[in-house]
């Protein structure tokens, strides 16, 4: 499943994809250029404690990629949450947070499990 966020001009700002596996899932994030790599991306579900910062994997012509595994505990937190916040540091040394709605995530995960026979 995936979610894209675009600017008013149609340019993609952020893409999130979750692929399910028997023991959890894998999340792939595509973030825009202009982010300091050494600080990574810090995910936070609602107002819970932030998760560990994630390292960038590589950049493509469309943006920079971060991948990370989603264990069952993190998937349950995402299911019960309303917003996933991804905080980065821009090249101007300011924090920038991308909010991602989790509305519909539980239904999508349930459907993926049903399709996979789980």
PDB file of N, CA and C in Angstrom:
ATOM      1  N   UNK A   1       0.851  -1.161   0.000  1.00  0.00           N
ATOM      2  CA  UNK A   1       0.000   0.000   0.000  1.00  0.00           C
ATOM      3  C   UNK A   1       0.893   1.219   0.000  1.00  0.00           C
ATOM      4  N   UNK A   2       0.361   2.323  -0.494  1.00  0.00           N
ATOM      5  CA  UNK A   2       1.199   3.517  -0.590  1.00  0.00           C
ATOM      6  C   UNK A   2       0.358   4.775  -0.407  1.00  0.00           C
ATOM      7  N   UNK A   3       1.069   5.835  -0.105  1.00  0.00           N
ATOM      8  CA  UNK A   3       0.454   7.158   0.024  1.00  0.00           C
ATOM      9  C   UNK A   3       1.456   8.169  -0.529  1.00  0.00           C
ATOM     10  N   UNK A   4       0.963   9.052  -1.397  1.00  0.00           N
ATOM     11  CA  UNK A   4       1.784  10.138  -1.936  1.00  0.00           C
ATOM     12  C   UNK A   4       1.247  11.463  -1.422  1.00  0.00           C
ATOM     13  N   UNK A   5       2.150  12.380  -1.155  1.00  0.00           N
ATOM     14  CA  UNK A   5       1.767  13.754  -0.845  1.00  0.00           C
ATOM     15  C   UNK A   5       2.369  14.625  -1.935  1.00  0.00           C
ATOM     16  N   UNK A   6       1.533  15.457  -2.533  1.00  0.00           N
ATOM     17  CA  UNK A   6       1.989  16.319  -3.622  1.00  0.00           C
ATOM     18  C   UNK A   6       1.714  17.778  -3.301  1.00  0.00           C
ATOM     19  N   UNK A   7       2.516  18.640  -3.906  1.00  0.00           N
ATOM     20  CA  UNK A   7       2.304  20.074  -3.766  1.00  0.00           C
ATOM     21  C   UNK A   7       1.185  20.490  -4.718  1.00  0.00           C
ATOM     22  N   UNK A   8       0.725  21.732  -4.594  1.00  0.00           N
ATOM     23  CA  UNK A   8      -0.351  22.218  -5.447  1.00  0.00           C
ATOM     24  C   UNK A   8       0.019  22.163  -6.926  1.00  0.00           C
ATOM     25  N   UNK A   9       1.308  22.260  -7.242  1.00  0.00           N
ATOM     26  CA  UNK A   9       1.739  22.207  -8.644  1.00  0.00           C
ATOM     27  C   UNK A   9       1.868  20.774  -9.155  1.00  0.00           C
ATOM     28  N   UNK A  10       1.526  19.790  -8.330  1.00  0.00           N
ATOM     29  CA  UNK A  10       1.573  18.393  -8.732  1.00  0.00           C
ATOM     30  C   UNK A  10       2.890  17.699  -8.459  1.00  0.00           C
ATOM     31  N   UNK A  11       3.896  18.439  -8.000  1.00  0.00           N
ATOM     32  CA  UNK A  11       5.192  17.835  -7.702  1.00  0.00           C
ATOM     33  C   UNK A  11       5.096  17.000  -6.428  1.00  0.00           C
ATOM     34  N   UNK A  12       5.629  15.759  -6.497  1.00  0.00           N
ATOM     35  CA  UNK A  12       5.593  14.882  -5.325  1.00  0.00           C
ATOM     36  C   UNK A  12       6.510  15.430  -4.246  1.00  0.00           C
ATOM     37  N   UNK A  13       5.989  15.473  -3.033  1.00  0.00           N
ATOM     38  CA  UNK A  13       6.735  15.944  -1.883  1.00  0.00           C
ATOM     39  C   UNK A  13       7.248  14.758  -1.061  1.00  0.00           C
ATOM     40  N   UNK A  14       6.415  13.719  -0.973  1.00  0.00           N
ATOM     41  CA  UNK A  14       6.712  12.583  -0.111  1.00  0.00           C
ATOM     42  C   UNK A  14       5.937  11.382  -0.602  1.00  0.00           C
ATOM     43  N   UNK A  15       6.544  10.215  -0.527  1.00  0.00           N
ATOM     44  CA  UNK A  15       5.844   8.963  -0.830  1.00  0.00           C
ATOM     45  C   UNK A  15       6.172   7.959   0.267  1.00  0.00           C
ATOM     46  N   UNK A  16       5.171   7.204   0.682  1.00  0.00           N
ATOM     47  CA  UNK A  16       5.327   6.170   1.699  1.00  0.00           C
ATOM     48  C   UNK A  16       4.730   4.885   1.143  1.00  0.00           C
ATOM     49  N   UNK A  17       5.459   3.806   1.271  1.00  0.00           N
ATOM     50  CA  UNK A  17       4.957   2.507   0.833  1.00  0.00           C
ATOM     51  C   UNK A  17       5.218   1.496   1.925  1.00  0.00           C
ATOM     52  N   UNK A  18       4.224   0.643   2.193  1.00  0.00           N
ATOM     53  CA  UNK A  18       4.384  -0.437   3.168  1.00  0.00           C
ATOM     54  C   UNK A  18       4.104  -1.746   2.465  1.00  0.00           C
ATOM     55  N   UNK A  19       5.049  -2.663   2.545  1.00  0.00           N
ATOM     56  CA  UNK A  19       4.894  -4.008   2.002  1.00  0.00           C
ATOM     57  C   UNK A  19       4.874  -4.980   3.177  1.00  0.00           C
ATOM     58  N   UNK A  20       3.912  -5.882   3.178  1.00  0.00           N
ATOM     59  CA  UNK A  20       3.780  -6.820   4.286  1.00  0.00           C
ATOM     60  C   UNK A  20       4.612  -8.071   4.048  1.00  0.00           C
ATOM     61  N   UNK A  21       5.096  -8.638   5.163  1.00  0.00           N
ATOM     62  CA  UNK A  21       5.845  -9.884   5.173  1.00  0.00           C
ATOM     63  C   UNK A  21       5.298 -10.726   6.317  1.00  0.00           C
ATOM     64  N   UNK A  22       5.603 -12.019   6.369  1.00  0.00           N
ATOM     65  CA  UNK A  22       5.056 -12.867   7.441  1.00  0.00           C
ATOM     66  C   UNK A  22       5.347 -12.366   8.857  1.00  0.00           C
ATOM     67  N   UNK A  23       6.501 -11.736   9.078  1.00  0.00           N
ATOM     68  CA  UNK A  23       6.882 -11.307  10.420  1.00  0.00           C
ATOM     69  C   UNK A  23       6.706  -9.805  10.652  1.00  0.00           C
ATOM     70  N   UNK A  24       6.006  -9.111   9.761  1.00  0.00           N
ATOM     71  CA  UNK A  24       5.815  -7.668   9.912  1.00  0.00           C
ATOM     72  C   UNK A  24       5.708  -7.015   8.558  1.00  0.00           C
ATOM     73  N   UNK A  25       6.478  -5.970   8.366  1.00  0.00           N
ATOM     74  CA  UNK A  25       6.422  -5.263   7.099  1.00  0.00           C
ATOM     75  C   UNK A  25       7.705  -4.495   6.853  1.00  0.00           C
ATOM     76  N   UNK A  26       7.776  -3.912   5.674  1.00  0.00           N
ATOM     77  CA  UNK A  26       8.896  -3.045   5.299  1.00  0.00           C
ATOM     78  C   UNK A  26       8.294  -1.736   4.828  1.00  0.00           C
ATOM     79  N   UNK A  27       8.761  -0.643   5.397  1.00  0.00           N
ATOM     80  CA  UNK A  27       8.318   0.687   4.966  1.00  0.00           C
ATOM     81  C   UNK A  27       9.421   1.310   4.122  1.00  0.00           C
ATOM     82  N   UNK A  28       9.005   1.937   3.033  1.00  0.00           N
ATOM     83  CA  UNK A  28       9.924   2.672   2.175  1.00  0.00           C
ATOM     84  C   UNK A  28       9.426   4.101   2.080  1.00  0.00           C
ATOM     85  N   UNK A  29      10.300   5.047   2.366  1.00  0.00           N
ATOM     86  CA  UNK A  29       9.964   6.468   2.306  1.00  0.00           C
ATOM     87  C   UNK A  29      10.771   7.107   1.187  1.00  0.00           C
ATOM     88  N   UNK A  30      10.131   7.958   0.416  1.00  0.00           N
ATOM     89  CA  UNK A  30      10.811   8.762  -0.595  1.00  0.00           C
ATOM     90  C   UNK A  30      10.631  10.214  -0.191  1.00  0.00           C
ATOM     91  N   UNK A  31      11.723  10.848   0.187  1.00  0.00           N
ATOM     92  CA  UNK A  31      11.694  12.216   0.690  1.00  0.00           C
ATOM     93  C   UNK A  31      12.372  13.159  -0.292  1.00  0.00           C
ATOM     94  N   UNK A  32      12.043  14.453  -0.215  1.00  0.00           N
ATOM     95  CA  UNK A  32      12.614  15.408  -1.168  1.00  0.00           C
ATOM     96  C   UNK A  32      14.083  15.705  -0.884  1.00  0.00           C
ATOM     97  N   UNK A  33      14.728  16.367  -1.825  1.00  0.00           N
ATOM     98  CA  UNK A  33      16.104  16.807  -1.659  1.00  0.00           C
ATOM     99  C   UNK A  33      16.148  17.980  -0.665  1.00  0.00           C
ATOM    100  N   UNK A  34      17.346  18.358  -0.229  1.00  0.00           N
ATOM    101  CA  UNK A  34      17.507  19.494   0.671  1.00  0.00           C
ATOM    102  C   UNK A  34      17.471  19.114   2.138  1.00  0.00           C
ATOM    103  N   UNK A  35      17.675  17.823   2.427  1.00  0.00           N
ATOM    104  CA  UNK A  35      17.649  17.313   3.798  1.00  0.00           C
ATOM    105  C   UNK A  35      19.061  16.900   4.195  1.00  0.00           C
ATOM    106  N   UNK A  36      19.447  17.205   5.431  1.00  0.00           N
ATOM    107  CA  UNK A  36      20.759  16.780   5.929  1.00  0.00           C
ATOM    108  C   UNK A  36      20.737  15.278   6.205  1.00  0.00           C
ATOM    109  N   UNK A  37      21.572  14.537   5.504  1.00  0.00           N
ATOM    110  CA  UNK A  37      21.575  13.075   5.621  1.00  0.00           C
ATOM    111  C   UNK A  37      22.031  12.571   6.973  1.00  0.00           C
ATOM    112  N   UNK A  38      23.020  13.226   7.562  1.00  0.00           N
ATOM    113  CA  UNK A  38      23.597  12.703   8.801  1.00  0.00           C
ATOM    114  C   UNK A  38      22.609  12.699   9.960  1.00  0.00           C
ATOM    115  N   UNK A  39      21.567  13.496   9.904  1.00  0.00           N
ATOM    116  CA  UNK A  39      20.566  13.523  10.980  1.00  0.00           C
ATOM    117  C   UNK A  39      19.464  12.488  10.751  1.00  0.00           C
ATOM    118  N   UNK A  40      19.326  12.011   9.513  1.00  0.00           N
ATOM    119  CA  UNK A  40      18.340  10.985   9.199  1.00  0.00           C
ATOM    120  C   UNK A  40      16.906  11.493   9.295  1.00  0.00           C
ATOM    121  N   UNK A  41      16.000  10.556   9.449  1.00  0.00           N
ATOM    122  CA  UNK A  41      14.561  10.822   9.550  1.00  0.00           C
ATOM    123  C   UNK A  41      14.087  10.233  10.875  1.00  0.00           C
ATOM    124  N   UNK A  42      13.392  11.026  11.676  1.00  0.00           N
ATOM    125  CA  UNK A  42      12.888  10.542  12.958  1.00  0.00           C
ATOM    126  C   UNK A  42      11.380  10.357  12.886  1.00  0.00           C
ATOM    127  N   UNK A  43      10.904   9.100  12.909  1.00  0.00           N
ATOM    128  CA  UNK A  43       9.461   8.869  12.908  1.00  0.00           C
ATOM    129  C   UNK A  43       8.878   8.990  14.311  1.00  0.00           C
ATOM    130  N   UNK A  44       7.627   9.439  14.364  1.00  0.00           N
ATOM    131  CA  UNK A  44       6.906   9.550  15.637  1.00  0.00           C
ATOM    132  C   UNK A  44       5.434   9.299  15.357  1.00  0.00           C
ATOM    133  N   UNK A  45       4.816   8.447  16.129  1.00  0.00           N
ATOM    134  CA  UNK A  45       3.397   8.150  15.986  1.00  0.00           C
ATOM    135  C   UNK A  45       2.642   8.977  17.015  1.00  0.00           C
ATOM    136  N   UNK A  46       1.780   9.864  16.520  1.00  0.00           N
ATOM    137  CA  UNK A  46       1.029  10.787  17.375  1.00  0.00           C
ATOM    138  C   UNK A  46       1.986  11.482  18.345  1.00  0.00           C
ATOM    139  N   UNK A  47       1.673  11.458  19.648  1.00  0.00           N
ATOM    140  CA  UNK A  47       2.526  12.123  20.629  1.00  0.00           C
ATOM    141  C   UNK A  47       3.350  11.132  21.443  1.00  0.00           C
ATOM    142  N   UNK A  48       3.503   9.909  20.920  1.00  0.00           N
ATOM    143  CA  UNK A  48       4.335   8.914  21.587  1.00  0.00           C
ATOM    144  C   UNK A  48       5.801   9.326  21.471  1.00  0.00           C
ATOM    145  N   UNK A  49       6.659   8.641  22.200  1.00  0.00           N
ATOM    146  CA  UNK A  49       8.095   8.919  22.113  1.00  0.00           C
ATOM    147  C   UNK A  49       8.559   8.646  20.681  1.00  0.00           C
ATOM    148  N   UNK A  50       9.414   9.516  20.148  1.00  0.00           N
ATOM    149  CA  UNK A  50       9.921   9.276  18.791  1.00  0.00           C
ATOM    150  C   UNK A  50      10.678   7.954  18.704  1.00  0.00           C
ATOM    151  N   UNK A  51      10.614   7.335  17.535  1.00  0.00           N
ATOM    152  CA  UNK A  51      11.391   6.134  17.282  1.00  0.00           C
ATOM    153  C   UNK A  51      12.836   6.545  16.980  1.00  0.00           C
ATOM    154  N   UNK A  52      13.716   5.582  16.893  1.00  0.00           N
ATOM    155  CA  UNK A  52      15.114   5.869  16.570  1.00  0.00           C
ATOM    156  C   UNK A  52      15.213   6.498  15.180  1.00  0.00           C
ATOM    157  N   UNK A  53      16.120   7.472  14.994  1.00  0.00           N
ATOM    158  CA  UNK A  53      16.297   8.058  13.657  1.00  0.00           C
ATOM    159  C   UNK A  53      16.695   6.985  12.641  1.00  0.00           C
ATOM    160  N   UNK A  54      16.209   7.155  11.427  1.00  0.00           N
ATOM    161  CA  UNK A  54      16.462   6.227  10.336  1.00  0.00           C
ATOM    162  C   UNK A  54      17.467   6.842   9.376  1.00  0.00           C
ATOM    163  N   UNK A  55      18.343   6.019   8.853  1.00  0.00           N
ATOM    164  CA  UNK A  55      19.371   6.498   7.921  1.00  0.00           C
ATOM    165  C   UNK A  55      18.858   6.447   6.491  1.00  0.00           C
ATOM    166  N   UNK A  56      19.315   7.390   5.698  1.00  0.00           N
ATOM    167  CA  UNK A  56      19.009   7.381   4.274  1.00  0.00           C
ATOM    168  C   UNK A  56      19.773   6.246   3.607  1.00  0.00           C
ATOM    169  N   UNK A  57      19.136   5.614   2.643  1.00  0.00           N
ATOM    170  CA  UNK A  57      19.757   4.508   1.922  1.00  0.00           C
ATOM    171  C   UNK A  57      20.454   5.005   0.661  1.00  0.00           C
ATOM    172  N   UNK A  58      19.753   5.826  -0.127  1.00  0.00           N
ATOM    173  CA  UNK A  58      20.313   6.365  -1.362  1.00  0.00           C
ATOM    174  C   UNK A  58      19.384   7.441  -1.901  1.00  0.00           C
ATOM    175  N   UNK A  59      19.858   8.147  -2.914  1.00  0.00           N
ATOM    176  CA  UNK A  59      19.031   9.139  -3.605  1.00  0.00           C
ATOM    177  C   UNK A  59      18.885   8.734  -5.061  1.00  0.00           C
ATOM    178  N   UNK A  60      17.728   9.023  -5.596  1.00  0.00           N
ATOM    179  CA  UNK A  60      17.392   8.800  -6.999  1.00  0.00           C
ATOM    180  C   UNK A  60      17.011  10.145  -7.593  1.00  0.00           C
ATOM    181  N   UNK A  61      16.805  10.234  -8.885  1.00  0.00           N
ATOM    182  CA  UNK A  61      16.393  11.520  -9.469  1.00  0.00           C
ATOM    183  C   UNK A  61      15.078  12.066  -8.902  1.00  0.00           C
ATOM    184  N   UNK A  62      14.261  11.197  -8.282  1.00  0.00           N
ATOM    185  CA  UNK A  62      12.965  11.631  -7.744  1.00  0.00           C
ATOM    186  C   UNK A  62      12.995  11.972  -6.260  1.00  0.00           C
ATOM    187  N   UNK A  63      14.097  11.687  -5.558  1.00  0.00           N
ATOM    188  CA  UNK A  63      14.191  11.981  -4.132  1.00  0.00           C
ATOM    189  C   UNK A  63      15.106  10.993  -3.427  1.00  0.00           C
ATOM    190  N   UNK A  64      15.105  11.052  -2.102  1.00  0.00           N
ATOM    191  CA  UNK A  64      15.998  10.219  -1.298  1.00  0.00           C
ATOM    192  C   UNK A  64      15.189   9.175  -0.529  1.00  0.00           C
ATOM    193  N   UNK A  65      15.751   7.973  -0.445  1.00  0.00           N
ATOM    194  CA  UNK A  65      15.031   6.810   0.071  1.00  0.00           C
ATOM    195  C   UNK A  65      15.529   6.402   1.449  1.00  0.00           C
ATOM    196  N   UNK A  66      14.554   6.048   2.298  1.00  0.00           N
ATOM    197  CA  UNK A  66      14.796   5.448   3.600  1.00  0.00           C
ATOM    198  C   UNK A  66      13.944   4.187   3.641  1.00  0.00           C
ATOM    199  N   UNK A  67      14.523   3.065   4.051  1.00  0.00           N
ATOM    200  CA  UNK A  67      13.739   1.846   4.261  1.00  0.00           C
ATOM    201  C   UNK A  67      13.954   1.380   5.689  1.00  0.00           C
ATOM    202  N   UNK A  68      12.905   0.785   6.263  1.00  0.00           N
ATOM    203  CA  UNK A  68      13.058   0.236   7.604  1.00  0.00           C
ATOM    204  C   UNK A  68      12.019  -0.842   7.858  1.00  0.00           C
ATOM    205  N   UNK A  69      12.392  -1.835   8.667  1.00  0.00           N
ATOM    206  CA  UNK A  69      11.453  -2.916   8.975  1.00  0.00           C
ATOM    207  C   UNK A  69      10.399  -2.440   9.974  1.00  0.00           C
ATOM    208  N   UNK A  70       9.207  -3.001   9.848  1.00  0.00           N
ATOM    209  CA  UNK A  70       8.117  -2.724  10.783  1.00  0.00           C
ATOM    210  C   UNK A  70       7.805  -4.024  11.516  1.00  0.00           C
ATOM    211  N   UNK A  71       8.199  -4.098  12.784  1.00  0.00           N
ATOM    212  CA  UNK A  71       7.860  -5.291  13.551  1.00  0.00           C
ATOM    213  C   UNK A  71       6.388  -5.215  13.971  1.00  0.00           C
ATOM    214  N   UNK A  72       5.882  -6.282  14.556  1.00  0.00           N
ATOM    215  CA  UNK A  72       4.465  -6.338  14.920  1.00  0.00           C
ATOM    216  C   UNK A  72       4.086  -5.236  15.919  1.00  0.00           C
ATOM    217  N   UNK A  73       4.975  -4.930  16.862  1.00  0.00           N
ATOM    218  CA  UNK A  73       4.682  -3.893  17.858  1.00  0.00           C
ATOM    219  C   UNK A  73       4.516  -2.529  17.188  1.00  0.00           C
ATOM    220  N   UNK A  74       5.397  -2.209  16.239  1.00  0.00           N
ATOM    221  CA  UNK A  74       5.303  -0.926  15.535  1.00  0.00           C
ATOM    222  C   UNK A  74       4.056  -0.892  14.653  1.00  0.00           C
ATOM    223  N   UNK A  75       3.738  -2.009  13.996  1.00  0.00           N
ATOM    224  CA  UNK A  75       2.523  -2.066  13.184  1.00  0.00           C
ATOM    225  C   UNK A  75       1.280  -1.822  14.038  1.00  0.00           C
ATOM    226  N   UNK A  76       1.256  -2.375  15.257  1.00  0.00           N
ATOM    227  CA  UNK A  76       0.105  -2.157  16.141  1.00  0.00           C
ATOM    228  C   UNK A  76      -0.001  -0.691  16.567  1.00  0.00           C
ATOM    229  N   UNK A  77       1.142  -0.055  16.805  1.00  0.00           N
ATOM    230  CA  UNK A  77       1.132   1.371  17.137  1.00  0.00           C
ATOM    231  C   UNK A  77       0.613   2.189  15.957  1.00  0.00           C
ATOM    232  N   UNK A  78       1.017   1.821  14.740  1.00  0.00           N
ATOM    233  CA  UNK A  78       0.524   2.522  13.551  1.00  0.00           C
ATOM    234  C   UNK A  78      -0.975   2.306  13.386  1.00  0.00           C
ATOM    235  N   UNK A  79      -1.448   1.086  13.638  1.00  0.00           N
ATOM    236  CA  UNK A  79      -2.883   0.785  13.526  1.00  0.00           C
ATOM    237  C   UNK A  79      -3.715   1.650  14.471  1.00  0.00           C
ATOM    238  N   UNK A  80      -3.209   1.871  15.672  1.00  0.00           N
ATOM    239  CA  UNK A  80      -3.984   2.615  16.672  1.00  0.00           C
ATOM    240  C   UNK A  80      -3.732   4.124  16.608  1.00  0.00           C
ATOM    241  N   UNK A  81      -2.777   4.544  15.792  1.00  0.00           N
ATOM    242  CA  UNK A  81      -2.446   5.962  15.709  1.00  0.00           C
ATOM    243  C   UNK A  81      -3.286   6.707  14.693  1.00  0.00           C
ATOM    244  N   UNK A  82      -3.153   8.020  14.714  1.00  0.00           N
ATOM    245  CA  UNK A  82      -3.868   8.851  13.732  1.00  0.00           C
ATOM    246  C   UNK A  82      -2.904   9.556  12.782  1.00  0.00           C
ATOM    247  N   UNK A  83      -1.662   9.826  13.239  1.00  0.00           N
ATOM    248  CA  UNK A  83      -0.702  10.531  12.398  1.00  0.00           C
ATOM    249  C   UNK A  83       0.707   9.991  12.626  1.00  0.00           C
ATOM    250  N   UNK A  84       1.398   9.714  11.541  1.00  0.00           N
ATOM    251  CA  UNK A  84       2.818   9.394  11.589  1.00  0.00           C
ATOM    252  C   UNK A  84       3.549  10.666  11.191  1.00  0.00           C
ATOM    253  N   UNK A  85       4.427  11.128  12.056  1.00  0.00           N
ATOM    254  CA  UNK A  85       5.201  12.339  11.778  1.00  0.00           C
ATOM    255  C   UNK A  85       6.633  11.935  11.435  1.00  0.00           C
ATOM    256  N   UNK A  86       7.135  12.452  10.329  1.00  0.00           N
ATOM    257  CA  UNK A  86       8.516  12.210   9.919  1.00  0.00           C
ATOM    258  C   UNK A  86       9.258  13.532  10.012  1.00  0.00           C
ATOM    259  N   UNK A  87      10.213  13.613  10.924  1.00  0.00           N
ATOM    260  CA  UNK A  87      10.942  14.861  11.132  1.00  0.00           C
ATOM    261  C   UNK A  87      12.349  14.729  10.567  1.00  0.00           C
ATOM    262  N   UNK A  88      12.730  15.736   9.786  1.00  0.00           N
ATOM    263  CA  UNK A  88      14.053  15.805   9.172  1.00  0.00           C
ATOM    264  C   UNK A  88      14.645  17.172   9.488  1.00  0.00           C
ATOM    265  N   UNK A  89      15.921  17.326   9.189  1.00  0.00           N
ATOM    266  CA  UNK A  89      16.583  18.625   9.303  1.00  0.00           C
ATOM    267  C   UNK A  89      16.922  19.077   7.899  1.00  0.00           C
ATOM    268  N   UNK A  90      16.501  20.289   7.548  1.00  0.00           N
ATOM    269  CA  UNK A  90      16.747  20.807   6.212  1.00  0.00           C
ATOM    270  C   UNK A  90      18.182  21.312   6.090  1.00  0.00           C
ATOM    271  N   UNK A  91      18.578  21.585   4.860  1.00  0.00           N
ATOM    272  CA  UNK A  91      19.913  22.129   4.611  1.00  0.00           C
ATOM    273  C   UNK A  91      20.091  23.481   5.292  1.00  0.00           C
ATOM    274  N   UNK A  92      18.983  24.166   5.591  1.00  0.00           N
ATOM    275  CA  UNK A  92      19.038  25.439   6.311  1.00  0.00           C
ATOM    276  C   UNK A  92      19.115  25.226   7.826  1.00  0.00           C
ATOM    277  N   UNK A  93      19.298  23.952   8.244  1.00  0.00           N
ATOM    278  CA  UNK A  93      19.433  23.576   9.652  1.00  0.00           C
ATOM    279  C   UNK A  93      18.167  23.863  10.461  1.00  0.00           C
ATOM    280  N   UNK A  94      17.009  23.680   9.852  1.00  0.00           N
ATOM    281  CA  UNK A  94      15.736  23.817  10.554  1.00  0.00           C
ATOM    282  C   UNK A  94      14.989  22.491  10.499  1.00  0.00           C
ATOM    283  N   UNK A  95      14.208  22.228  11.526  1.00  0.00           N
ATOM    284  CA  UNK A  95      13.416  20.993  11.559  1.00  0.00           C
ATOM    285  C   UNK A  95      12.208  21.146  10.643  1.00  0.00           C
ATOM    286  N   UNK A  96      11.904  20.078   9.938  1.00  0.00           N
ATOM    287  CA  UNK A  96      10.743  20.033   9.057  1.00  0.00           C
ATOM    288  C   UNK A  96      10.039  18.716   9.323  1.00  0.00           C
ATOM    289  N   UNK A  97       8.732  18.781   9.597  1.00  0.00           N
ATOM    290  CA  UNK A  97       7.961  17.579   9.884  1.00  0.00           C
ATOM    291  C   UNK A  97       6.935  17.342   8.794  1.00  0.00           C
ATOM    292  N   UNK A  98       6.911  16.113   8.290  1.00  0.00           N
ATOM    293  CA  UNK A  98       5.919  15.687   7.314  1.00  0.00           C
ATOM    294  C   UNK A  98       4.871  14.857   8.056  1.00  0.00           C
ATOM    295  N   UNK A  99       3.633  15.337   8.184  1.00  0.00           N
ATOM    296  CA  UNK A  99       2.591  14.530   8.816  1.00  0.00           C
ATOM    297  C   UNK A  99       1.948  13.593   7.785  1.00  0.00           C
ATOM    298  N   UNK A 100       1.749  12.348   8.172  1.00  0.00           N
ATOM    299  CA  UNK A 100       1.133  11.354   7.305  1.00  0.00           C
ATOM    300  C   UNK A 100      -0.085  10.793   8.019  1.00  0.00           C
ATOM    301  N   UNK A 101      -1.233  10.932   7.408  1.00  0.00           N
ATOM    302  CA  UNK A 101      -2.461  10.409   7.991  1.00  0.00           C
ATOM    303  C   UNK A 101      -2.428   8.887   8.019  1.00  0.00           C
ATOM    304  N   UNK A 102      -2.843   8.322   9.130  1.00  0.00           N
ATOM    305  CA  UNK A 102      -2.944   6.876   9.260  1.00  0.00           C
ATOM    306  C   UNK A 102      -4.389   6.401   9.100  1.00  0.00           C
ATOM    307  N   UNK A 103      -5.274   7.307   8.726  1.00  0.00           N
ATOM    308  CA  UNK A 103      -6.676   6.957   8.507  1.00  0.00           C
ATOM    309  C   UNK A 103      -6.753   5.934   7.381  1.00  0.00           C
ATOM    310  N   UNK A 104      -7.420   4.839   7.623  1.00  0.00           N
ATOM    311  CA  UNK A 104      -7.569   3.788   6.627  1.00  0.00           C
ATOM    312  C   UNK A 104      -6.455   2.748   6.649  1.00  0.00           C
ATOM    313  N   UNK A 105      -5.420   2.970   7.452  1.00  0.00           N
ATOM    314  CA  UNK A 105      -4.301   2.033   7.488  1.00  0.00           C
ATOM    315  C   UNK A 105      -4.734   0.665   7.997  1.00  0.00           C
ATOM    316  N   UNK A 106      -5.529   0.619   9.060  1.00  0.00           N
ATOM    317  CA  UNK A 106      -5.961  -0.663   9.616  1.00  0.00           C
ATOM    318  C   UNK A 106      -6.734  -1.462   8.582  1.00  0.00           C
ATOM    319  N   UNK A 107      -7.669  -0.815   7.878  1.00  0.00           N
ATOM    320  CA  UNK A 107      -8.440  -1.515   6.844  1.00  0.00           C
ATOM    321  C   UNK A 107      -7.520  -2.004   5.723  1.00  0.00           C
ATOM    322  N   UNK A 108      -6.540  -1.210   5.347  1.00  0.00           N
ATOM    323  CA  UNK A 108      -5.617  -1.609   4.279  1.00  0.00           C
ATOM    324  C   UNK A 108      -4.749  -2.779   4.723  1.00  0.00           C
ATOM    325  N   UNK A 109      -4.249  -2.744   5.949  1.00  0.00           N
ATOM    326  CA  UNK A 109      -3.439  -3.868   6.452  1.00  0.00           C
ATOM    327  C   UNK A 109      -4.272  -5.128   6.552  1.00  0.00           C
ATOM    328  N   UNK A 110      -5.514  -5.001   7.027  1.00  0.00           N
ATOM    329  CA  UNK A 110      -6.399  -6.166   7.112  1.00  0.00           C
ATOM    330  C   UNK A 110      -6.653  -6.750   5.726  1.00  0.00           C
ATOM    331  N   UNK A 111      -6.847  -5.878   4.729  1.00  0.00           N
ATOM    332  CA  UNK A 111      -7.095  -6.352   3.365  1.00  0.00           C
ATOM    333  C   UNK A 111      -5.858  -7.043   2.804  1.00  0.00           C
ATOM    334  N   UNK A 112      -4.666  -6.495   3.052  1.00  0.00           N
ATOM    335  CA  UNK A 112      -3.440  -7.142   2.588  1.00  0.00           C
ATOM    336  C   UNK A 112      -3.279  -8.525   3.216  1.00  0.00           C
ATOM    337  N   UNK A 113      -3.591  -8.632   4.505  1.00  0.00           N
ATOM    338  CA  UNK A 113      -3.505  -9.926   5.173  1.00  0.00           C
ATOM    339  C   UNK A 113      -4.512 -10.916   4.596  1.00  0.00           C
ATOM    340  N   UNK A 114      -5.721 -10.439   4.289  1.00  0.00           N
ATOM    341  CA  UNK A 114      -6.744 -11.316   3.712  1.00  0.00           C
ATOM    342  C   UNK A 114      -6.317 -11.807   2.331  1.00  0.00           C
ATOM    343  N   UNK A 115      -5.748 -10.929   1.534  1.00  0.00           N
ATOM    344  CA  UNK A 115      -5.286 -11.310   0.200  1.00  0.00           C
ATOM    345  C   UNK A 115      -4.163 -12.334   0.292  1.00  0.00           C
ATOM    346  N   UNK A 116      -3.288 -12.132   1.286  1.00  0.00           N
ATOM    347  CA  UNK A 116      -2.148 -13.039   1.467  1.00  0.00           C
ATOM    348  C   UNK A 116      -2.556 -14.351   2.142  1.00  0.00           C
ATOM    349  N   UNK A 117      -3.808 -14.428   2.578  1.00  0.00           N
ATOM    350  CA  UNK A 117      -4.281 -15.645   3.220  1.00  0.00           C
ATOM    351  C   UNK A 117      -3.945 -15.733   4.691  1.00  0.00           C
ATOM    352  N   UNK A 118      -3.659 -14.544   5.312  1.00  0.00           N
ATOM    353  CA  UNK A 118      -3.274 -14.532   6.720  1.00  0.00           C
ATOM    354  C   UNK A 118      -4.345 -14.274   7.610  1.00  0.00           C
TER     355      UNK A 118
END
